[in-house]
């Protein structure tokens, strides 16, 4: 799996300003679009790296009948999402 793969994400923001991903769309190895519903957000941690603020979400979902554990990165300044890495 490619690290830092840009993905489309549907998310929700709470009244307190907290963001939570709900669903993502990505292209698989066969260049087909996958729609993945996020079952659980296990953790969220803010990170700062050379002045770039981001949040890393550890998520769990069922993809093609298998449980995936993966990290989504949300970059605050650019409002962009990427599949940071898949945790096996």
N, C-alpha and C. Protein backbone atom coordinates (compact mmCIF):
# COMPACT_ATOMS: atom_id res chain seq x y z
N UNK A 1 0.84 -1.18 0.00
CA UNK A 1 0.00 0.00 0.00
C UNK A 1 0.88 1.25 0.00
N UNK A 2 0.47 2.21 -0.78
CA UNK A 2 1.22 3.45 -0.91
C UNK A 2 1.02 4.31 0.33
N UNK A 3 2.11 4.87 0.86
CA UNK A 3 2.00 5.80 1.98
C UNK A 3 1.65 7.17 1.45
N UNK A 4 0.92 7.91 2.25
CA UNK A 4 0.52 9.29 1.90
C UNK A 4 -0.27 9.36 0.60
N UNK A 5 -1.17 8.42 0.40
CA UNK A 5 -2.02 8.41 -0.79
C UNK A 5 -3.19 9.37 -0.57
N UNK A 6 -3.35 10.40 -1.41
CA UNK A 6 -4.49 11.31 -1.25
C UNK A 6 -5.81 10.56 -1.40
N UNK A 7 -6.76 10.88 -0.53
CA UNK A 7 -8.08 10.23 -0.56
C UNK A 7 -9.15 11.29 -0.36
N UNK A 8 -10.36 10.97 -0.83
CA UNK A 8 -11.54 11.80 -0.57
C UNK A 8 -12.15 11.32 0.73
N UNK A 9 -12.53 12.25 1.60
CA UNK A 9 -13.08 11.90 2.91
C UNK A 9 -14.34 12.72 3.16
N UNK A 10 -15.35 12.05 3.69
CA UNK A 10 -16.52 12.73 4.23
C UNK A 10 -16.34 12.74 5.73
N UNK A 11 -16.42 13.92 6.33
CA UNK A 11 -16.20 14.04 7.77
C UNK A 11 -17.29 14.93 8.37
N UNK A 12 -17.32 14.94 9.70
CA UNK A 12 -18.27 15.77 10.42
C UNK A 12 -17.50 16.59 11.45
N UNK A 13 -17.95 17.80 11.67
CA UNK A 13 -17.35 18.66 12.69
C UNK A 13 -18.35 18.87 13.82
N UNK A 14 -17.89 18.75 15.05
CA UNK A 14 -18.77 18.96 16.20
C UNK A 14 -18.89 20.46 16.47
N UNK A 15 -19.80 20.81 17.36
CA UNK A 15 -19.97 22.21 17.73
C UNK A 15 -18.72 22.75 18.40
N UNK A 16 -17.91 21.88 18.99
CA UNK A 16 -16.66 22.28 19.63
C UNK A 16 -15.48 22.37 18.68
N UNK A 17 -15.71 22.07 17.38
CA UNK A 17 -14.64 22.17 16.40
C UNK A 17 -13.85 20.90 16.16
N UNK A 18 -14.26 19.79 16.78
CA UNK A 18 -13.56 18.53 16.58
C UNK A 18 -14.03 17.88 15.28
N UNK A 19 -13.09 17.38 14.51
CA UNK A 19 -13.40 16.76 13.23
C UNK A 19 -13.31 15.24 13.37
N UNK A 20 -14.20 14.54 12.65
CA UNK A 20 -14.22 13.08 12.72
C UNK A 20 -14.52 12.53 11.33
N UNK A 21 -13.64 11.69 10.77
CA UNK A 21 -13.90 11.10 9.45
C UNK A 21 -14.99 10.03 9.53
N UNK A 22 -15.85 10.00 8.51
CA UNK A 22 -16.94 9.03 8.46
C UNK A 22 -16.76 8.01 7.34
N UNK A 23 -16.28 8.47 6.18
CA UNK A 23 -16.17 7.62 5.00
C UNK A 23 -15.03 8.12 4.13
N UNK A 24 -14.36 7.20 3.46
CA UNK A 24 -13.33 7.63 2.52
C UNK A 24 -13.48 6.89 1.21
N UNK A 25 -12.92 7.50 0.19
CA UNK A 25 -12.93 6.90 -1.15
C UNK A 25 -11.51 6.92 -1.67
N UNK A 26 -11.06 5.76 -2.15
CA UNK A 26 -9.70 5.64 -2.65
C UNK A 26 -9.66 4.69 -3.83
N UNK A 27 -8.55 4.73 -4.53
CA UNK A 27 -8.34 3.84 -5.67
C UNK A 27 -7.48 2.67 -5.20
N UNK A 28 -7.89 1.44 -5.54
CA UNK A 28 -7.11 0.27 -5.14
C UNK A 28 -6.05 -0.06 -6.20
N UNK A 29 -5.38 -1.20 -6.02
CA UNK A 29 -4.30 -1.60 -6.92
C UNK A 29 -4.78 -1.86 -8.35
N UNK A 30 -6.05 -2.26 -8.50
CA UNK A 30 -6.63 -2.51 -9.82
C UNK A 30 -7.28 -1.26 -10.41
N UNK A 31 -7.01 -0.10 -9.78
CA UNK A 31 -7.53 1.21 -10.22
C UNK A 31 -9.06 1.28 -10.18
N UNK A 32 -9.65 0.57 -9.24
CA UNK A 32 -11.08 0.65 -9.01
C UNK A 32 -11.31 1.49 -7.75
N UNK A 33 -12.39 2.25 -7.74
CA UNK A 33 -12.70 3.07 -6.58
C UNK A 33 -13.30 2.23 -5.47
N UNK A 34 -12.78 2.39 -4.27
CA UNK A 34 -13.31 1.73 -3.07
C UNK A 34 -13.98 2.79 -2.21
N UNK A 35 -15.16 2.49 -1.74
CA UNK A 35 -15.83 3.35 -0.75
C UNK A 35 -15.77 2.62 0.57
N UNK A 36 -15.14 3.24 1.55
CA UNK A 36 -14.90 2.59 2.83
C UNK A 36 -15.60 3.37 3.93
N UNK A 37 -16.56 2.72 4.59
CA UNK A 37 -17.22 3.33 5.75
C UNK A 37 -16.37 3.06 6.98
N UNK A 38 -16.04 4.09 7.71
CA UNK A 38 -15.21 3.96 8.91
C UNK A 38 -16.10 3.52 10.07
N UNK A 39 -15.81 2.34 10.62
CA UNK A 39 -16.60 1.79 11.71
C UNK A 39 -16.27 2.45 13.05
N UNK A 40 -14.99 2.75 13.25
CA UNK A 40 -14.56 3.28 14.55
C UNK A 40 -13.32 4.14 14.38
N UNK A 41 -13.31 5.28 15.06
CA UNK A 41 -12.10 6.09 15.17
C UNK A 41 -11.51 5.76 16.54
N UNK A 42 -10.38 5.07 16.54
CA UNK A 42 -9.80 4.57 17.78
C UNK A 42 -9.08 5.68 18.53
N UNK A 43 -8.34 6.50 17.80
CA UNK A 43 -7.63 7.61 18.45
C UNK A 43 -7.40 8.73 17.45
N UNK A 44 -7.10 9.89 18.00
CA UNK A 44 -6.78 11.07 17.21
C UNK A 44 -5.66 11.81 17.94
N UNK A 45 -4.58 12.11 17.22
CA UNK A 45 -3.48 12.84 17.85
C UNK A 45 -3.01 13.96 16.94
N UNK A 46 -2.82 15.14 17.51
CA UNK A 46 -2.28 16.25 16.72
C UNK A 46 -0.77 16.09 16.54
N UNK A 47 -0.27 16.49 15.39
CA UNK A 47 1.17 16.46 15.16
C UNK A 47 1.60 17.78 14.53
N UNK A 48 2.84 18.14 14.75
CA UNK A 48 3.45 19.29 14.10
C UNK A 48 4.80 18.85 13.59
N UNK A 49 5.02 19.09 12.30
CA UNK A 49 6.28 18.71 11.68
C UNK A 49 6.71 19.85 10.78
N UNK A 50 7.83 20.45 11.09
CA UNK A 50 8.36 21.63 10.39
C UNK A 50 7.28 22.66 10.07
N UNK A 51 6.50 22.99 11.07
CA UNK A 51 5.50 24.04 10.94
C UNK A 51 4.19 23.61 10.31
N UNK A 52 4.05 22.35 9.97
CA UNK A 52 2.81 21.87 9.37
C UNK A 52 1.98 21.19 10.45
N UNK A 53 0.78 21.75 10.69
CA UNK A 53 -0.12 21.17 11.69
C UNK A 53 -1.02 20.14 11.02
N UNK A 54 -1.15 19.00 11.66
CA UNK A 54 -2.00 17.94 11.12
C UNK A 54 -2.58 17.13 12.28
N UNK A 55 -3.54 16.29 11.93
CA UNK A 55 -4.10 15.35 12.89
C UNK A 55 -4.04 13.97 12.27
N UNK A 56 -3.66 12.98 13.08
CA UNK A 56 -3.61 11.59 12.63
C UNK A 56 -4.75 10.84 13.31
N UNK A 57 -5.59 10.22 12.51
CA UNK A 57 -6.72 9.44 13.01
C UNK A 57 -6.43 7.95 12.80
N UNK A 58 -6.45 7.17 13.86
CA UNK A 58 -6.34 5.72 13.76
C UNK A 58 -7.76 5.19 13.64
N UNK A 59 -8.04 4.51 12.51
CA UNK A 59 -9.40 4.10 12.20
C UNK A 59 -9.48 2.60 11.94
N UNK A 60 -10.71 2.09 12.11
CA UNK A 60 -10.98 0.68 11.83
C UNK A 60 -12.17 0.59 10.88
N UNK A 61 -12.04 -0.30 9.86
CA UNK A 61 -13.11 -0.49 8.89
C UNK A 61 -13.04 -1.90 8.34
N UNK A 62 -14.14 -2.35 7.76
CA UNK A 62 -14.20 -3.63 7.07
C UNK A 62 -14.11 -3.34 5.57
N UNK A 63 -13.06 -3.89 4.93
CA UNK A 63 -12.84 -3.67 3.50
C UNK A 63 -12.72 -5.03 2.82
N UNK A 64 -13.62 -5.28 1.86
CA UNK A 64 -13.63 -6.56 1.14
C UNK A 64 -13.62 -7.75 2.10
N UNK A 65 -14.40 -7.64 3.17
CA UNK A 65 -14.54 -8.74 4.12
C UNK A 65 -13.42 -8.87 5.13
N UNK A 66 -12.43 -8.00 5.09
CA UNK A 66 -11.32 -8.05 6.03
C UNK A 66 -11.28 -6.77 6.87
N UNK A 67 -10.84 -6.92 8.12
CA UNK A 67 -10.73 -5.76 9.00
C UNK A 67 -9.43 -5.01 8.70
N UNK A 68 -9.54 -3.73 8.48
CA UNK A 68 -8.38 -2.87 8.24
C UNK A 68 -8.20 -1.95 9.43
N UNK A 69 -6.97 -1.73 9.80
CA UNK A 69 -6.58 -0.72 10.77
C UNK A 69 -5.66 0.22 9.99
N UNK A 70 -6.00 1.49 9.93
CA UNK A 70 -5.23 2.42 9.11
C UNK A 70 -5.23 3.81 9.74
N UNK A 71 -4.28 4.62 9.30
CA UNK A 71 -4.17 5.99 9.78
C UNK A 71 -4.49 6.95 8.65
N UNK A 72 -5.37 7.89 8.95
CA UNK A 72 -5.69 8.99 8.04
C UNK A 72 -5.04 10.25 8.58
N UNK A 73 -4.44 11.03 7.69
CA UNK A 73 -3.83 12.29 8.09
C UNK A 73 -4.62 13.43 7.49
N UNK A 74 -5.01 14.37 8.35
CA UNK A 74 -5.71 15.57 7.93
C UNK A 74 -4.78 16.76 8.13
N UNK A 75 -4.41 17.42 7.04
CA UNK A 75 -3.54 18.59 7.11
C UNK A 75 -4.42 19.83 7.24
N UNK A 76 -4.25 20.55 8.32
CA UNK A 76 -5.15 21.65 8.67
C UNK A 76 -5.06 22.80 7.68
N UNK A 77 -3.87 23.23 7.35
CA UNK A 77 -3.70 24.40 6.48
C UNK A 77 -4.31 24.19 5.09
N UNK A 78 -4.11 23.00 4.52
CA UNK A 78 -4.59 22.74 3.16
C UNK A 78 -5.95 22.04 3.13
N UNK A 79 -6.47 21.66 4.29
CA UNK A 79 -7.75 20.94 4.39
C UNK A 79 -7.73 19.68 3.52
N UNK A 80 -6.62 18.97 3.52
CA UNK A 80 -6.50 17.78 2.68
C UNK A 80 -6.34 16.53 3.53
N UNK A 81 -6.79 15.41 2.98
CA UNK A 81 -6.72 14.11 3.65
C UNK A 81 -5.83 13.17 2.84
N UNK A 82 -5.13 12.30 3.55
CA UNK A 82 -4.38 11.25 2.87
C UNK A 82 -4.39 10.00 3.75
N UNK A 83 -4.31 8.86 3.06
CA UNK A 83 -4.15 7.60 3.76
C UNK A 83 -2.69 7.53 4.14
N UNK A 84 -2.41 7.80 5.41
CA UNK A 84 -1.03 7.92 5.88
C UNK A 84 -0.32 6.59 5.85
N UNK A 85 -0.95 5.56 6.41
CA UNK A 85 -0.40 4.21 6.35
C UNK A 85 -1.43 3.23 6.85
N UNK A 86 -1.27 1.99 6.42
CA UNK A 86 -2.13 0.91 6.90
C UNK A 86 -1.39 0.16 7.98
N UNK A 87 -2.03 -0.05 9.10
CA UNK A 87 -1.44 -0.78 10.22
C UNK A 87 -1.91 -2.22 10.11
N UNK A 88 -1.00 -3.16 10.06
CA UNK A 88 -1.36 -4.58 9.92
C UNK A 88 -1.50 -5.25 11.24
